C-alpha atoms as a PDB file:
ATOM      1  CA  MET A   1      20.525  50.874-155.459  1.00  0.00           C
ATOM      2  CA  GLU A   2      24.147  51.409-155.669  1.00  0.00           C
ATOM      3  CA  THR A   3      25.632  49.781-152.533  1.00  0.00           C
ATOM      4  CA  PHE A   4      28.941  49.921-150.461  1.00  0.00           C
ATOM      5  CA  ILE A   5      29.729  46.177-149.190  1.00  0.00           C
ATOM      6  CA  THR A   6      31.779  44.921-147.106  1.00  0.00           C
ATOM      7  CA  PHE A   7      33.597  42.041-145.331  1.00  0.00           C
ATOM      8  CA  PRO A   8      36.145  40.059-143.854  1.00  0.00           C
ATOM      9  CA  GLU A   9      38.657  38.108-146.617  1.00  0.00           C
ATOM     10  CA  GLU A  10      38.439  35.001-144.260  1.00  0.00           C
ATOM     11  CA  GLY A  11      35.844  32.959-142.485  1.00  0.00           C
ATOM     12  CA  GLY A  12      32.345  33.977-144.227  1.00  0.00           C
ATOM     13  CA  PRO A  13      29.686  33.319-144.477  1.00  0.00           C
ATOM     14  CA  PHE A  14      29.122  36.662-142.572  1.00  0.00           C
ATOM     15  CA  PRO A  15      25.854  37.603-140.443  1.00  0.00           C
ATOM     16  CA  THR A  16      23.969  41.082-142.758  1.00  0.00           C
ATOM     17  CA  ILE A  17      24.378  44.340-141.033  1.00  0.00           C
ATOM     18  CA  PHE A  18      22.111  47.242-143.229  1.00  0.00           C
ATOM     19  CA  PHE A  19      24.621  50.263-142.028  1.00  0.00           C
ATOM     20  CA  PHE A  20      21.351  53.366-143.070  1.00  0.00           C
ATOM     21  CA  MET A  21      23.276  56.634-144.077  1.00  0.00           C
ATOM     22  CA  ASP A  22      22.202  60.233-142.497  1.00  0.00           C
ATOM     23  CA  ALA A  23      21.043  62.627-144.365  1.00  0.00           C
ATOM     24  CA  PRO A  24      24.227  64.084-145.885  1.00  0.00           C
ATOM     25  CA  GLY A  25      24.669  61.006-148.030  1.00  0.00           C
ATOM     26  CA  LYS A  26      27.034  57.791-148.117  1.00  0.00           C
ATOM     27  CA  ARG A  27      30.563  59.206-148.379  1.00  0.00           C
ATOM     28  CA  GLU A  28      33.902  57.876-146.894  1.00  0.00           C
ATOM     29  CA  GLU A  29      32.935  58.992-143.717  1.00  0.00           C
ATOM     30  CA  LEU A  30      30.318  55.862-143.383  1.00  0.00           C
ATOM     31  CA  HIS A  31      32.572  53.620-145.205  1.00  0.00           C
ATOM     32  CA  ASP A  32      35.227  53.644-142.684  1.00  0.00           C
ATOM     33  CA  MET A  33      32.469  53.136-139.706  1.00  0.00           C
ATOM     34  CA  ALA A  34      31.071  50.393-142.181  1.00  0.00           C
ATOM     35  CA  ARG A  35      34.536  48.976-142.302  1.00  0.00           C
ATOM     36  CA  ARG A  36      34.787  48.695-139.054  1.00  0.00           C
ATOM     37  CA  ILE A  37      31.590  46.703-138.430  1.00  0.00           C
ATOM     38  CA  ALA A  38      33.003  44.858-140.720  1.00  0.00           C
ATOM     39  CA  THR A  39      36.516  43.995-139.774  1.00  0.00           C
ATOM     40  CA  THR A  40      34.869  42.160-136.385  1.00  0.00           C
ATOM     41  CA  GLY A  41      32.807  39.594-138.154  1.00  0.00           C
ATOM     42  CA  TYR A  42      30.011  40.918-140.497  1.00  0.00           C
ATOM     43  CA  TYR A  43      28.987  41.863-143.932  1.00  0.00           C
ATOM     44  CA  VAL A  44      27.848  45.062-144.114  1.00  0.00           C
ATOM     45  CA  MET A  45      25.788  47.046-146.643  1.00  0.00           C
ATOM     46  CA  LEU A  46      25.320  50.732-146.948  1.00  0.00           C
ATOM     47  CA  PRO A  47      23.100  51.789-149.513  1.00  0.00           C
ATOM     48  CA  ASN A  48      22.486  55.143-151.302  1.00  0.00           C
ATOM     49  CA  LEU A  49      18.800  55.642-149.717  1.00  0.00           C
ATOM     50  CA  TYR A  50      18.323  58.905-152.353  1.00  0.00           C
ATOM     51  CA  TYR A  51      18.667  56.704-155.605  1.00  0.00           C
ATOM     52  CA  ARG A  52      15.508  57.455-156.541  1.00  0.00           C
ATOM     53  CA  THR A  53      16.434  60.619-157.615  1.00  0.00           C
ATOM     54  CA  LYS A  54      20.304  60.957-157.612  1.00  0.00           C
ATOM     55  CA  ASP A  55      22.797  59.013-158.056  1.00  0.00           C
ATOM     56  CA  HIS A  56      25.230  60.243-155.576  1.00  0.00           C
ATOM     57  CA  PHE A  57      25.272  63.089-152.570  1.00  0.00           C
ATOM     58  CA  GLU A  58      27.332  64.348-150.188  1.00  0.00           C
ATOM     59  CA  LEU A  59      26.638  67.260-148.251  1.00  0.00           C
ATOM     60  CA  ASP A  60      29.532  70.270-148.014  1.00  0.00           C
ATOM     61  CA  PHE A  61      29.917  70.551-144.914  1.00  0.00           C
ATOM     62  CA  GLU A  62      33.045  73.515-145.331  1.00  0.00           C
ATOM     63  CA  THR A  63      30.222  76.016-147.739  1.00  0.00           C
ATOM     64  CA  ARG A  64      27.057  74.128-147.013  1.00  0.00           C
ATOM     65  CA  ASN A  65      25.953  75.266-150.580  1.00  0.00           C
ATOM     66  CA  ASN A  66      23.375  72.105-150.733  1.00  0.00           C
ATOM     67  CA  TRP A  67      22.283  72.490-147.635  1.00  0.00           C
ATOM     68  CA  ASP A  68      18.701  72.488-149.038  1.00  0.00           C
ATOM     69  CA  GLU A  69      19.073  70.051-151.362  1.00  0.00           C
ATOM     70  CA  MET A  70      19.827  67.877-148.332  1.00  0.00           C
ATOM     71  CA  PHE A  71      16.843  68.318-147.297  1.00  0.00           C
ATOM     72  CA  LYS A  72      14.537  67.926-150.208  1.00  0.00           C
ATOM     73  CA  LEU A  73      16.577  64.761-150.721  1.00  0.00           C
ATOM     74  CA  MET A  74      15.724  63.740-147.057  1.00  0.00           C
ATOM     75  CA  SER A  75      11.982  64.252-147.531  1.00  0.00           C
ATOM     76  CA  SER A  76      11.718  62.854-150.615  1.00  0.00           C
ATOM     77  CA  ILE A  77      12.135  59.410-148.883  1.00  0.00           C
ATOM     78  CA  GLY A  78      10.617  57.460-145.377  1.00  0.00           C
ATOM     79  CA  ASN A  79      10.393  54.824-143.518  1.00  0.00           C
ATOM     80  CA  ARG A  80       7.633  53.123-145.849  1.00  0.00           C
ATOM     81  CA  MET A  81      10.631  53.258-148.728  1.00  0.00           C
ATOM     82  CA  ILE A  82      13.221  51.738-146.561  1.00  0.00           C
ATOM     83  CA  VAL A  83      11.357  49.015-145.940  1.00  0.00           C
ATOM     84  CA  ARG A  84      10.757  47.860-149.406  1.00  0.00           C
ATOM     85  CA  ASP A  85      14.434  48.880-149.888  1.00  0.00           C
ATOM     86  CA  ALA A  86      15.772  46.699-147.323  1.00  0.00           C
ATOM     87  CA  SER A  87      13.772  43.704-149.216  1.00  0.00           C
ATOM     88  CA  ALA A  88      15.966  43.768-152.158  1.00  0.00           C
ATOM     89  CA  MET A  89      19.054  43.934-149.825  1.00  0.00           C
ATOM     90  CA  ILE A  90      18.064  40.733-148.501  1.00  0.00           C
ATOM     91  CA  GLU A  91      18.026  39.521-151.465  1.00  0.00           C
ATOM     92  CA  ALA A  92      20.859  40.181-152.657  1.00  0.00           C
ATOM     93  CA  ALA A  93      22.896  39.305-149.830  1.00  0.00           C
ATOM     94  CA  ALA A  94      20.847  35.529-150.439  1.00  0.00           C
ATOM     95  CA  SER A  95      22.268  35.390-153.415  1.00  0.00           C
ATOM     96  CA  ASP A  96      26.141  36.604-152.360  1.00  0.00           C
ATOM     97  CA  PRO A  97      27.810  33.363-150.627  1.00  0.00           C
ATOM     98  CA  ASN A  98      30.062  35.605-148.406  1.00  0.00           C
ATOM     99  CA  ALA A  99      26.565  36.575-146.595  1.00  0.00           C
ATOM    100  CA  GLU A 100      24.302  35.019-143.944  1.00  0.00           C
ATOM    101  CA  SER A 101      20.589  36.531-144.441  1.00  0.00           C
ATOM    102  CA  GLN A 102      19.012  34.509-141.715  1.00  0.00           C
ATOM    103  CA  ARG A 103      20.896  36.654-139.880  1.00  0.00           C
ATOM    104  CA  VAL A 104      20.397  40.014-140.133  1.00  0.00           C
ATOM    105  CA  GLY A 105      21.410  43.639-138.223  1.00  0.00           C
ATOM    106  CA  CYS A 106      20.729  47.376-138.449  1.00  0.00           C
ATOM    107  CA  VAL A 107      21.973  50.625-137.730  1.00  0.00           C
ATOM    108  CA  GLY A 108      20.680  53.752-138.708  1.00  0.00           C
ATOM    109  CA  TYR A 109      22.317  57.427-137.730  1.00  0.00           C
ATOM    110  CA  CYS A 110      19.995  60.853-137.575  1.00  0.00           C
ATOM    111  CA  MET A 111      17.606  60.794-140.371  1.00  0.00           C
ATOM    112  CA  SER A 112      17.733  56.772-140.641  1.00  0.00           C
ATOM    113  CA  GLY A 113      17.748  55.508-136.986  1.00  0.00           C
ATOM    114  CA  PRO A 114      14.079  55.441-137.519  1.00  0.00           C
ATOM    115  CA  PHE A 115      15.087  53.640-140.710  1.00  0.00           C
ATOM    116  CA  ALA A 116      16.845  50.773-138.556  1.00  0.00           C
ATOM    117  CA  LEU A 117      13.372  50.680-136.434  1.00  0.00           C
ATOM    118  CA  SER A 118      11.470  49.929-138.920  1.00  0.00           C
ATOM    119  CA  VAL A 119      13.336  47.467-140.717  1.00  0.00           C
ATOM    120  CA  ALA A 120      13.620  45.553-137.656  1.00  0.00           C
ATOM    121  CA  ALA A 121       9.914  45.157-137.001  1.00  0.00           C
ATOM    122  CA  ALA A 122       8.871  44.516-141.043  1.00  0.00           C
ATOM    123  CA  TYR A 123      11.165  41.501-140.715  1.00  0.00           C
ATOM    124  CA  PRO A 124      11.053  40.224-136.936  1.00  0.00           C
ATOM    125  CA  GLU A 125      12.307  36.719-138.149  1.00  0.00           C
ATOM    126  CA  ARG A 126      15.465  37.830-139.952  1.00  0.00           C
ATOM    127  CA  VAL A 127      16.276  40.872-138.052  1.00  0.00           C
ATOM    128  CA  LYS A 128      18.369  40.246-134.639  1.00  0.00           C
ATOM    129  CA  ALA A 129      19.144  43.285-133.808  1.00  0.00           C
ATOM    130  CA  ALA A 130      18.575  47.012-134.283  1.00  0.00           C
ATOM    131  CA  ALA A 131      20.145  49.657-133.744  1.00  0.00           C
ATOM    132  CA  SER A 132      18.971  53.992-133.547  1.00  0.00           C
ATOM    133  CA  ILE A 133      22.027  56.191-133.074  1.00  0.00           C
ATOM    134  CA  TYR A 134      20.359  59.883-132.325  1.00  0.00           C
ATOM    135  CA  GLY A 135      18.129  58.524-134.881  1.00  0.00           C
ATOM    136  CA  VAL A 136      14.482  61.700-135.578  1.00  0.00           C
ATOM    137  CA  ARG A 137      11.331  61.436-136.189  1.00  0.00           C
ATOM    138  CA  LEU A 138      10.783  58.372-133.350  1.00  0.00           C
ATOM    139  CA  VAL A 139       8.049  58.947-132.024  1.00  0.00           C
ATOM    140  CA  VAL A 140       5.595  61.046-134.559  1.00  0.00           C
ATOM    141  CA  ASP A 141       1.983  60.666-134.770  1.00  0.00           C
ATOM    142  CA  GLU A 142       1.819  59.275-138.241  1.00  0.00           C
ATOM    143  CA  SER A 143       0.779  55.276-139.165  1.00  0.00           C
ATOM    144  CA  ASP A 144       4.340  54.716-139.945  1.00  0.00           C
ATOM    145  CA  SER A 145       5.752  56.122-136.643  1.00  0.00           C
ATOM    146  CA  PRO A 146       8.629  53.760-135.959  1.00  0.00           C
ATOM    147  CA  HIS A 147       7.218  53.208-131.871  1.00  0.00           C
ATOM    148  CA  LEU A 148       3.979  51.837-133.611  1.00  0.00           C
ATOM    149  CA  GLY A 149       6.220  48.757-134.346  1.00  0.00           C
ATOM    150  CA  PHE A 150       8.049  47.938-131.483  1.00  0.00           C
ATOM    151  CA  ASN A 151       5.639  45.113-130.283  1.00  0.00           C
ATOM    152  CA  GLN A 152       5.754  43.226-133.854  1.00  0.00           C
ATOM    153  CA  THR A 153       9.993  43.359-133.049  1.00  0.00           C
ATOM    154  CA  ASN A 154      11.622  40.429-132.720  1.00  0.00           C
ATOM    155  CA  GLY A 155      15.391  41.673-132.428  1.00  0.00           C
ATOM    156  CA  GLU A 156      17.034  43.378-129.505  1.00  0.00           C
ATOM    157  CA  LEU A 157      16.106  47.260-129.887  1.00  0.00           C
ATOM    158  CA  TYR A 158      19.026  50.315-129.144  1.00  0.00           C
ATOM    159  CA  ILE A 159      18.675  53.456-128.625  1.00  0.00           C
ATOM    160  CA  ALA A 160      21.170  56.502-128.163  1.00  0.00           C
ATOM    161  CA  CYS A 161      19.946  60.409-127.449  1.00  0.00           C
ATOM    162  CA  ALA A 162      22.302  62.879-127.165  1.00  0.00           C
ATOM    163  CA  GLU A 163      21.825  65.136-124.036  1.00  0.00           C
ATOM    164  CA  PHE A 164      21.568  68.268-126.800  1.00  0.00           C
ATOM    165  CA  ASP A 165      19.800  67.671-129.993  1.00  0.00           C
ATOM    166  CA  ASP A 166      17.624  70.188-131.821  1.00  0.00           C
ATOM    167  CA  TYR A 167      16.187  67.611-133.759  1.00  0.00           C
ATOM    168  CA  VAL A 168      15.340  64.973-131.300  1.00  0.00           C
ATOM    169  CA  PRO A 169      13.821  67.364-127.826  1.00  0.00           C
ATOM    170  CA  PRO A 170      13.929  65.807-124.478  1.00  0.00           C
ATOM    171  CA  GLU A 171      10.100  65.544-124.512  1.00  0.00           C
ATOM    172  CA  MET A 172      10.882  63.082-127.588  1.00  0.00           C
ATOM    173  CA  VAL A 173      13.320  61.187-125.665  1.00  0.00           C
ATOM    174  CA  THR A 174      11.258  60.236-122.886  1.00  0.00           C
ATOM    175  CA  LYS A 175       8.492  59.499-125.238  1.00  0.00           C
ATOM    176  CA  VAL A 176      10.185  56.435-126.893  1.00  0.00           C
ATOM    177  CA  SER A 177      11.400  55.297-123.798  1.00  0.00           C
ATOM    178  CA  GLU A 178       7.635  55.094-122.272  1.00  0.00           C
ATOM    179  CA  GLU A 179       6.673  53.889-125.764  1.00  0.00           C
ATOM    180  CA  LEU A 180       9.533  50.967-124.962  1.00  0.00           C
ATOM    181  CA  LYS A 181       8.929  50.103-121.834  1.00  0.00           C
ATOM    182  CA  SER A 182       5.383  49.706-122.133  1.00  0.00           C
ATOM    183  CA  SER A 183       5.748  47.550-125.095  1.00  0.00           C
ATOM    184  CA  SER A 184       7.518  43.928-125.351  1.00  0.00           C
ATOM    185  CA  ALA A 185      10.250  44.929-127.668  1.00  0.00           C
ATOM    186  CA  ASN A 186      13.438  44.062-125.966  1.00  0.00           C
ATOM    187  CA  GLY A 187      15.287  46.895-126.083  1.00  0.00           C
ATOM    188  CA  ARG A 188      16.633  50.233-123.932  1.00  0.00           C
ATOM    189  CA  VAL A 189      17.764  54.062-124.294  1.00  0.00           C
ATOM    190  CA  GLU A 190      20.848  55.249-122.938  1.00  0.00           C
ATOM    191  CA  LEU A 191      20.791  59.294-123.394  1.00  0.00           C
ATOM    192  CA  TYR A 192      24.229  60.297-123.825  1.00  0.00           C
ATOM    193  CA  PRO A 193      24.900  63.618-121.587  1.00  0.00           C
ATOM    194  CA  GLY A 194      26.714  66.738-122.401  1.00  0.00           C
ATOM    195  CA  VAL A 195      27.184  65.503-126.224  1.00  0.00           C
ATOM    196  CA  HIS A 196      25.382  67.175-128.920  1.00  0.00           C
ATOM    197  CA  HIS A 197      23.498  65.198-132.277  1.00  0.00           C
ATOM    198  CA  GLY A 198      26.189  63.801-134.636  1.00  0.00           C
ATOM    199  CA  PHE A 199      28.802  63.073-131.439  1.00  0.00           C
ATOM    200  CA  ALA A 200      29.501  59.778-133.616  1.00  0.00           C
ATOM    201  CA  PHE A 201      30.789  61.111-136.403  1.00  0.00           C
ATOM    202  CA  PRO A 202      34.748  61.679-136.506  1.00  0.00           C
ATOM    203  CA  ASP A 203      34.676  64.512-139.626  1.00  0.00           C
ATOM    204  CA  ARG A 204      32.327  66.874-137.291  1.00  0.00           C
ATOM    205  CA  GLY A 205      34.646  68.888-135.922  1.00  0.00           C
ATOM    206  CA  ASP A 206      33.869  70.272-132.482  1.00  0.00           C
ATOM    207  CA  ILE A 207      30.644  68.206-131.854  1.00  0.00           C
ATOM    208  CA  PHE A 208      32.464  65.083-132.155  1.00  0.00           C
ATOM    209  CA  ASN A 209      33.048  63.822-129.077  1.00  0.00           C
ATOM    210  CA  LYS A 210      35.495  61.226-129.279  1.00  0.00           C
ATOM    211  CA  GLU A 211      34.596  59.034-125.583  1.00  0.00           C
ATOM    212  CA  ALA A 212      30.884  59.199-126.143  1.00  0.00           C
ATOM    213  CA  ALA A 213      31.323  57.823-130.035  1.00  0.00           C
ATOM    214  CA  GLU A 214      33.686  54.996-128.355  1.00  0.00           C
ATOM    215  CA  ARG A 215      31.027  54.443-126.205  1.00  0.00           C
ATOM    216  CA  HIS A 216      28.025  54.018-129.238  1.00  0.00           C
ATOM    217  CA  TRP A 217      30.736  51.734-130.752  1.00  0.00           C
ATOM    218  CA  GLU A 218      30.446  49.446-127.294  1.00  0.00           C
ATOM    219  CA  ARG A 219      27.212  49.592-127.661  1.00  0.00           C
ATOM    220  CA  VAL A 220      26.396  48.364-131.038  1.00  0.00           C
ATOM    221  CA  HIS A 221      29.002  46.027-131.079  1.00  0.00           C
ATOM    222  CA  ALA A 222      27.940  44.359-128.254  1.00  0.00           C
ATOM    223  CA  LEU A 223      24.412  44.502-129.076  1.00  0.00           C
ATOM    224  CA  PHE A 224      25.310  42.502-132.772  1.00  0.00           C
ATOM    225  CA  ASP A 225      27.669  40.214-131.176  1.00  0.00           C
ATOM    226  CA  ARG A 226      25.050  39.387-128.703  1.00  0.00           C
ATOM    227  CA  ASN A 227      21.779  38.217-131.237  1.00  0.00           C
ATOM    228  CA  LEU A 228      23.866  38.072-134.436  1.00  0.00           C
ATOM    229  CA  LYS A 229      26.859  35.522-133.366  1.00  0.00           C
END
């Protein structure tokens, strides 16, 4: 599982952050986002989640000529697979003197929002905080639906949703809010008004919203700092 790892040059070991990629693949845009987290004092791991079938994949945003391939790759992985991958990531972090593997945070975007929440539920003694940013399929009628793990989660959860999101309709935002409130988990759902799915990615052209993106960074940094430092 090829993984991009970044951390500060001095002052370690650092709490570990699992940065789970979105569907368009592990690319330089995500590397830069991982670096932004790392510079504030974290050991960040960004794996290629498609490693089972593809050494490297990046969606061509201009032509979208590999759009169908992206959906095929996306449908080939799921929550349980990523929970198993997280076990290998924990082992790798534990073997690196620069990482503190007993204190873990997770963040996922779009496809990987549910992955971050599922990993938090699967490793409650290690994962102290998890963030889902416009994550999809957070409440579904399946045995591994992320909301079913809320009561097993010890870490603080943050779920950010866009007001306009074809992948996460308003009724799902309402449902995940209700499920989180009725659970024993410590967390909140925040709706970002006036923005669309993908608002945090600078390379998304008209979808990118700088104000909302900076707000999400503020929330994510505060979440990790409260729980991991």
